[in-house]
C-alpha atoms as a PDB file:
ATOM      1  CA  UNK A   1      19.381 -16.797  22.266  1.00  0.00           C
ATOM      2  CA  UNK A   2      17.424 -17.145  19.285  1.00  0.00           C
ATOM      3  CA  UNK A   3      14.097 -16.240  21.141  1.00  0.00           C
ATOM      4  CA  UNK A   4      15.370 -12.796  21.614  1.00  0.00           C
ATOM      5  CA  UNK A   5      16.897 -12.631  17.580  1.00  0.00           C
ATOM      6  CA  UNK A   6      13.234 -13.463  16.923  1.00  0.00           C
ATOM      7  CA  UNK A   7      11.705 -10.649  18.780  1.00  0.00           C
ATOM      8  CA  UNK A   8      14.135  -7.933  17.734  1.00  0.00           C
ATOM      9  CA  UNK A   9      13.202  -9.416  14.239  1.00  0.00           C
ATOM     10  CA  UNK A  10       9.587  -9.196  14.890  1.00  0.00           C
ATOM     11  CA  UNK A  11      10.178  -5.735  16.470  1.00  0.00           C
ATOM     12  CA  UNK A  12      12.205  -4.507  13.019  1.00  0.00           C
ATOM     13  CA  UNK A  13       9.451  -6.210  10.869  1.00  0.00           C
ATOM     14  CA  UNK A  14       6.388  -4.843  12.531  1.00  0.00           C
ATOM     15  CA  UNK A  15       8.024  -1.251  12.948  1.00  0.00           C
ATOM     16  CA  UNK A  16       8.576  -1.339   9.039  1.00  0.00           C
ATOM     17  CA  UNK A  17       4.898  -2.251   8.153  1.00  0.00           C
ATOM     18  CA  UNK A  18       3.632   0.624  10.022  1.00  0.00           C
ATOM     19  CA  UNK A  19       5.746   3.515   8.493  1.00  0.00           C
ATOM     20  CA  UNK A  20       4.177   6.873   7.930  1.00  0.00           C
ATOM     21  CA  UNK A  21       3.366   7.181   4.066  1.00  0.00           C
ATOM     22  CA  UNK A  22       1.914  11.050   2.599  1.00  0.00           C
ATOM     23  CA  UNK A  23       0.260  11.431  -0.590  1.00  0.00           C
ATOM     24  CA  UNK A  24       1.528  14.896  -1.353  1.00  0.00           C
ATOM     25  CA  UNK A  25      -0.954  16.381  -4.417  1.00  0.00           C
ATOM     26  CA  UNK A  26       0.239  19.461  -6.454  1.00  0.00           C
ATOM     27  CA  UNK A  27      -2.475  20.288  -9.630  1.00  0.00           C
ATOM     28  CA  UNK A  28      -1.958  16.845 -11.684  1.00  0.00           C
ATOM     29  CA  UNK A  29       0.986  15.431 -10.059  1.00  0.00           C
ATOM     30  CA  UNK A  30       0.766  12.569  -7.163  1.00  0.00           C
ATOM     31  CA  UNK A  31       3.933  11.643  -5.101  1.00  0.00           C
ATOM     32  CA  UNK A  32       4.001   9.297  -1.918  1.00  0.00           C
ATOM     33  CA  UNK A  33       6.624  10.184   1.025  1.00  0.00           C
ATOM     34  CA  UNK A  34       7.769   8.864   3.835  1.00  0.00           C
ATOM     35  CA  UNK A  35       8.159  12.728   4.861  1.00  0.00           C
ATOM     36  CA  UNK A  36       5.981  15.372   5.231  1.00  0.00           C
ATOM     37  CA  UNK A  37       5.039  17.173   1.755  1.00  0.00           C
ATOM     38  CA  UNK A  38       6.564  20.363   0.612  1.00  0.00           C
ATOM     39  CA  UNK A  39       4.108  23.791   1.225  1.00  0.00           C
ATOM     40  CA  UNK A  40       2.802  23.970  -2.080  1.00  0.00           C
ATOM     41  CA  UNK A  41       1.404  20.406  -2.010  1.00  0.00           C
ATOM     42  CA  UNK A  42      -1.800  19.145  -0.783  1.00  0.00           C
ATOM     43  CA  UNK A  43      -1.085  16.407   2.190  1.00  0.00           C
ATOM     44  CA  UNK A  44      -3.197  13.433   3.304  1.00  0.00           C
ATOM     45  CA  UNK A  45      -1.599  10.520   5.491  1.00  0.00           C
ATOM     46  CA  UNK A  46      -2.304   7.304   3.927  1.00  0.00           C
ATOM     47  CA  UNK A  47      -2.565   3.596   5.810  1.00  0.00           C
ATOM     48  CA  UNK A  48      -3.823   0.307   4.633  1.00  0.00           C
ATOM     49  CA  UNK A  49      -5.585  -2.025   7.037  1.00  0.00           C
ATOM     50  CA  UNK A  50      -7.301  -5.012   6.461  1.00  0.00           C
ATOM     51  CA  UNK A  51      -7.719  -4.503   2.713  1.00  0.00           C
ATOM     52  CA  UNK A  52      -8.622  -1.472   3.063  1.00  0.00           C
ATOM     53  CA  UNK A  53      -6.978   1.942   2.448  1.00  0.00           C
ATOM     54  CA  UNK A  54      -7.572   4.879   4.265  1.00  0.00           C
ATOM     55  CA  UNK A  55      -6.711   8.577   3.494  1.00  0.00           C
ATOM     56  CA  UNK A  56      -7.176  11.254   6.349  1.00  0.00           C
ATOM     57  CA  UNK A  57      -6.405  14.895   4.958  1.00  0.00           C
ATOM     58  CA  UNK A  58      -3.701  16.972   6.732  1.00  0.00           C
ATOM     59  CA  UNK A  59      -5.384  19.986   5.032  1.00  0.00           C
ATOM     60  CA  UNK A  60      -6.742  22.426   7.654  1.00  0.00           C
ATOM     61  CA  UNK A  61      -8.965  23.479   5.127  1.00  0.00           C
ATOM     62  CA  UNK A  62     -10.715  20.105   4.463  1.00  0.00           C
ATOM     63  CA  UNK A  63     -10.543  19.133   8.196  1.00  0.00           C
ATOM     64  CA  UNK A  64      -9.450  15.422   9.169  1.00  0.00           C
ATOM     65  CA  UNK A  65     -12.106  13.379   7.393  1.00  0.00           C
ATOM     66  CA  UNK A  66     -11.665  10.102   7.325  1.00  0.00           C
ATOM     67  CA  UNK A  67     -12.104   8.852   3.777  1.00  0.00           C
ATOM     68  CA  UNK A  68     -12.025   5.273   2.099  1.00  0.00           C
ATOM     69  CA  UNK A  69     -12.598   4.088  -1.569  1.00  0.00           C
ATOM     70  CA  UNK A  70     -15.223   1.819  -0.217  1.00  0.00           C
ATOM     71  CA  UNK A  71     -17.581   4.538   1.332  1.00  0.00           C
ATOM     72  CA  UNK A  72     -17.054   6.381  -2.213  1.00  0.00           C
ATOM     73  CA  UNK A  73     -17.649   4.030  -4.103  1.00  0.00           C
ATOM     74  CA  UNK A  74     -21.375   3.068  -2.467  1.00  0.00           C
ATOM     75  CA  UNK A  75     -22.399   6.870  -1.897  1.00  0.00           C
ATOM     76  CA  UNK A  76     -23.000   6.971  -5.680  1.00  0.00           C
ATOM     77  CA  UNK A  77     -23.024  10.786  -4.967  1.00  0.00           C
ATOM     78  CA  UNK A  78     -20.422  11.308  -7.932  1.00  0.00           C
ATOM     79  CA  UNK A  79     -20.985  11.357 -11.337  1.00  0.00           C
ATOM     80  CA  UNK A  80     -19.575   8.232 -13.719  1.00  0.00           C
ATOM     81  CA  UNK A  81     -16.801  10.684 -14.942  1.00  0.00           C
ATOM     82  CA  UNK A  82     -15.598  11.499 -11.249  1.00  0.00           C
ATOM     83  CA  UNK A  83     -15.937   8.079  -9.974  1.00  0.00           C
ATOM     84  CA  UNK A  84     -14.011   6.534 -12.690  1.00  0.00           C
ATOM     85  CA  UNK A  85     -11.139   8.847 -12.213  1.00  0.00           C
ATOM     86  CA  UNK A  86     -11.055   8.118  -8.801  1.00  0.00           C
ATOM     87  CA  UNK A  87     -10.927   4.460  -9.536  1.00  0.00           C
ATOM     88  CA  UNK A  88      -8.139   5.285 -11.784  1.00  0.00           C
ATOM     89  CA  UNK A  89      -6.342   7.092  -9.026  1.00  0.00           C
ATOM     90  CA  UNK A  90      -6.672   4.139  -6.587  1.00  0.00           C
ATOM     91  CA  UNK A  91      -5.014   1.781  -8.861  1.00  0.00           C
ATOM     92  CA  UNK A  92      -2.333   4.029  -9.488  1.00  0.00           C
ATOM     93  CA  UNK A  93      -2.031   4.096  -5.714  1.00  0.00           C
ATOM     94  CA  UNK A  94      -1.964   0.467  -5.163  1.00  0.00           C
ATOM     95  CA  UNK A  95       0.219  -0.087  -8.273  1.00  0.00           C
ATOM     96  CA  UNK A  96       2.444   2.318  -6.864  1.00  0.00           C
ATOM     97  CA  UNK A  97       2.650   1.190  -2.996  1.00  0.00           C
ATOM     98  CA  UNK A  98       3.100  -2.656  -4.608  1.00  0.00           C
ATOM     99  CA  UNK A  99       6.613  -0.965  -5.700  1.00  0.00           C
ATOM    100  CA  UNK A 100       7.053   0.627  -2.481  1.00  0.00           C
ATOM    101  CA  UNK A 101       6.474  -2.656  -0.930  1.00  0.00           C
ATOM    102  CA  UNK A 102       8.944  -4.096  -3.274  1.00  0.00           C
ATOM    103  CA  UNK A 103      11.477  -1.976  -2.079  1.00  0.00           C
ATOM    104  CA  UNK A 104      11.083  -2.438   1.674  1.00  0.00           C
ATOM    105  CA  UNK A 105      11.246  -6.264   0.872  1.00  0.00           C
ATOM    106  CA  UNK A 106      14.279  -6.082  -0.661  1.00  0.00           C
ATOM    107  CA  UNK A 107      15.346  -3.337   2.250  1.00  0.00           C
ATOM    108  CA  UNK A 108      14.621  -6.091   4.690  1.00  0.00           C
ATOM    109  CA  UNK A 109      16.241  -8.583   2.382  1.00  0.00           C
ATOM    110  CA  UNK A 110      19.301  -7.124   2.652  1.00  0.00           C
ATOM    111  CA  UNK A 111      19.182  -6.059   6.197  1.00  0.00           C
ATOM    112  CA  UNK A 112      19.338  -9.693   7.343  1.00  0.00           C
ATOM    113  CA  UNK A 113      22.033 -10.576   5.246  1.00  0.00           C
ATOM    114  CA  UNK A 114      24.240  -8.201   6.892  1.00  0.00           C
ATOM    115  CA  UNK A 115      22.838  -9.418   9.865  1.00  0.00           C
ATOM    116  CA  UNK A 116      24.045 -12.891   8.849  1.00  0.00           C
ATOM    117  CA  UNK A 117      27.264 -11.357   7.658  1.00  0.00           C
ATOM    118  CA  UNK A 118      28.532  -9.804  10.507  1.00  0.00           C
ATOM    119  CA  UNK A 119      27.067 -12.775  13.059  1.00  0.00           C
ATOM    120  CA  UNK A 120      29.390 -14.942  10.648  1.00  0.00           C
ATOM    121  CA  UNK A 121      26.427 -17.156  10.166  1.00  0.00           C
ATOM    122  CA  UNK A 122      26.408 -19.676   7.220  1.00  0.00           C
ATOM    123  CA  UNK A 123      24.288 -18.583   4.048  1.00  0.00           C
ATOM    124  CA  UNK A 124      22.426 -22.295   4.588  1.00  0.00           C
ATOM    125  CA  UNK A 125      22.114 -21.075   8.667  1.00  0.00           C
ATOM    126  CA  UNK A 126      17.941 -22.592   9.381  1.00  0.00           C
ATOM    127  CA  UNK A 127      17.517 -19.376  11.279  1.00  0.00           C
ATOM    128  CA  UNK A 128      18.465 -16.908   8.832  1.00  0.00           C
ATOM    129  CA  UNK A 129      16.806 -19.203   5.832  1.00  0.00           C
ATOM    130  CA  UNK A 130      13.490 -18.840   7.867  1.00  0.00           C
ATOM    131  CA  UNK A 131      13.951 -14.900   8.711  1.00  0.00           C
ATOM    132  CA  UNK A 132      14.126 -14.741   4.837  1.00  0.00           C
ATOM    133  CA  UNK A 133      11.234 -16.945   4.068  1.00  0.00           C
ATOM    134  CA  UNK A 134       9.043 -15.265   6.840  1.00  0.00           C
ATOM    135  CA  UNK A 135       9.776 -11.426   5.082  1.00  0.00           C
ATOM    136  CA  UNK A 136       8.919 -12.775   1.372  1.00  0.00           C
ATOM    137  CA  UNK A 137       5.897 -14.478   2.239  1.00  0.00           C
ATOM    138  CA  UNK A 138       4.425 -10.814   3.995  1.00  0.00           C
ATOM    139  CA  UNK A 139       5.393  -8.835   1.366  1.00  0.00           C
ATOM    140  CA  UNK A 140       3.948 -10.743  -1.177  1.00  0.00           C
ATOM    141  CA  UNK A 141       0.714 -11.540   0.838  1.00  0.00           C
ATOM    142  CA  UNK A 142       0.814  -7.559   0.896  1.00  0.00           C
ATOM    143  CA  UNK A 143       1.310  -6.880  -2.746  1.00  0.00           C
ATOM    144  CA  UNK A 144      -1.133 -10.439  -3.816  1.00  0.00           C
ATOM    145  CA  UNK A 145      -3.524  -8.731  -1.612  1.00  0.00           C
ATOM    146  CA  UNK A 146      -3.336  -5.334  -3.539  1.00  0.00           C
ATOM    147  CA  UNK A 147      -3.270  -7.292  -7.139  1.00  0.00           C
ATOM    148  CA  UNK A 148      -6.734  -8.902  -5.872  1.00  0.00           C
ATOM    149  CA  UNK A 149      -8.060  -5.102  -4.989  1.00  0.00           C
ATOM    150  CA  UNK A 150      -6.797  -3.793  -8.355  1.00  0.00           C
ATOM    151  CA  UNK A 151      -9.052  -6.378 -10.007  1.00  0.00           C
ATOM    152  CA  UNK A 152     -12.139  -5.647  -7.805  1.00  0.00           C
ATOM    153  CA  UNK A 153     -11.641  -2.366  -8.959  1.00  0.00           C
ATOM    154  CA  UNK A 154     -11.309  -3.035 -12.682  1.00  0.00           C
ATOM    155  CA  UNK A 155     -14.403  -4.998 -12.597  1.00  0.00           C
ATOM    156  CA  UNK A 156     -16.206  -2.199 -11.040  1.00  0.00           C
ATOM    157  CA  UNK A 157     -15.214   0.294 -13.596  1.00  0.00           C
ATOM    158  CA  UNK A 158     -16.174  -1.746 -16.460  1.00  0.00           C
ATOM    159  CA  UNK A 159     -19.306  -2.022 -14.636  1.00  0.00           C
ATOM    160  CA  UNK A 160     -19.697   1.377 -14.475  1.00  0.00           C
ATOM    161  CA  UNK A 161     -18.537   1.934 -18.191  1.00  0.00           C
ATOM    162  CA  UNK A 162     -20.916  -0.208 -19.725  1.00  0.00           C
ATOM    163  CA  UNK A 163     -23.897   0.723 -22.366  1.00  0.00           C
ATOM    164  CA  UNK A 164     -27.318  -0.221 -21.280  1.00  0.00           C
ATOM    165  CA  UNK A 165     -27.269  -2.636 -24.448  1.00  0.00           C
ATOM    166  CA  UNK A 166     -24.260  -4.113 -23.260  1.00  0.00           C
ATOM    167  CA  UNK A 167     -26.058  -4.966 -20.037  1.00  0.00           C
ATOM    168  CA  UNK A 168     -29.098  -6.645 -21.813  1.00  0.00           C
ATOM    169  CA  UNK A 169     -26.917  -8.424 -24.023  1.00  0.00           C
ATOM    170  CA  UNK A 170     -23.863  -9.454 -22.597  1.00  0.00           C
END
C-alpha cells in the first residue's frame, strides 16, 4: 500500500516539475505562463535542465532555434550593452521562476495536506512528514540552484562593466 502511494506521489511530483512554461514578450513586457501566449505576444517555450535554461522560440519567423544563455555569453558577438541587457533579463527570469517554484511548492504541500485529511491520517504520520520533507527539499534545491546561477550571472555582469583601470588595480 505504501509503495503504491509513494509511486502516485512520485508521479504527481514529476508531472508538476515538467510543466510547460511559456515566455510571452510584447514590447518591453515579459510574462511567464503555463498556457500559450496571446496572439500579440512573441512566444518562446522555456525549459530548465541540469542548471541551464533553454528557450525554444515558437515564432515562425525565427524558427525553432535552441538558445541558451551560456552559448550567448560565450559567443562574444553582442555589444556590451546588449550583453548586459541579456544578463539582466535572465536574472529577472530566474527570480520569477523562483517565485513560481515557491508557488508550486506551496500547492504541492496543500495537496499533501488535503490527501492526509481525507485519508484520516494524523499530522504526525511518518509517511505524511516524509512526503512533506521530500517536496520541500526538491523545490528548495531548485531555488538554491537558481540563486547560485544568479550569483554567477551577477559576477559575469560585474566583470563586463569593470573599467580597464579597475582590472589593473583591483
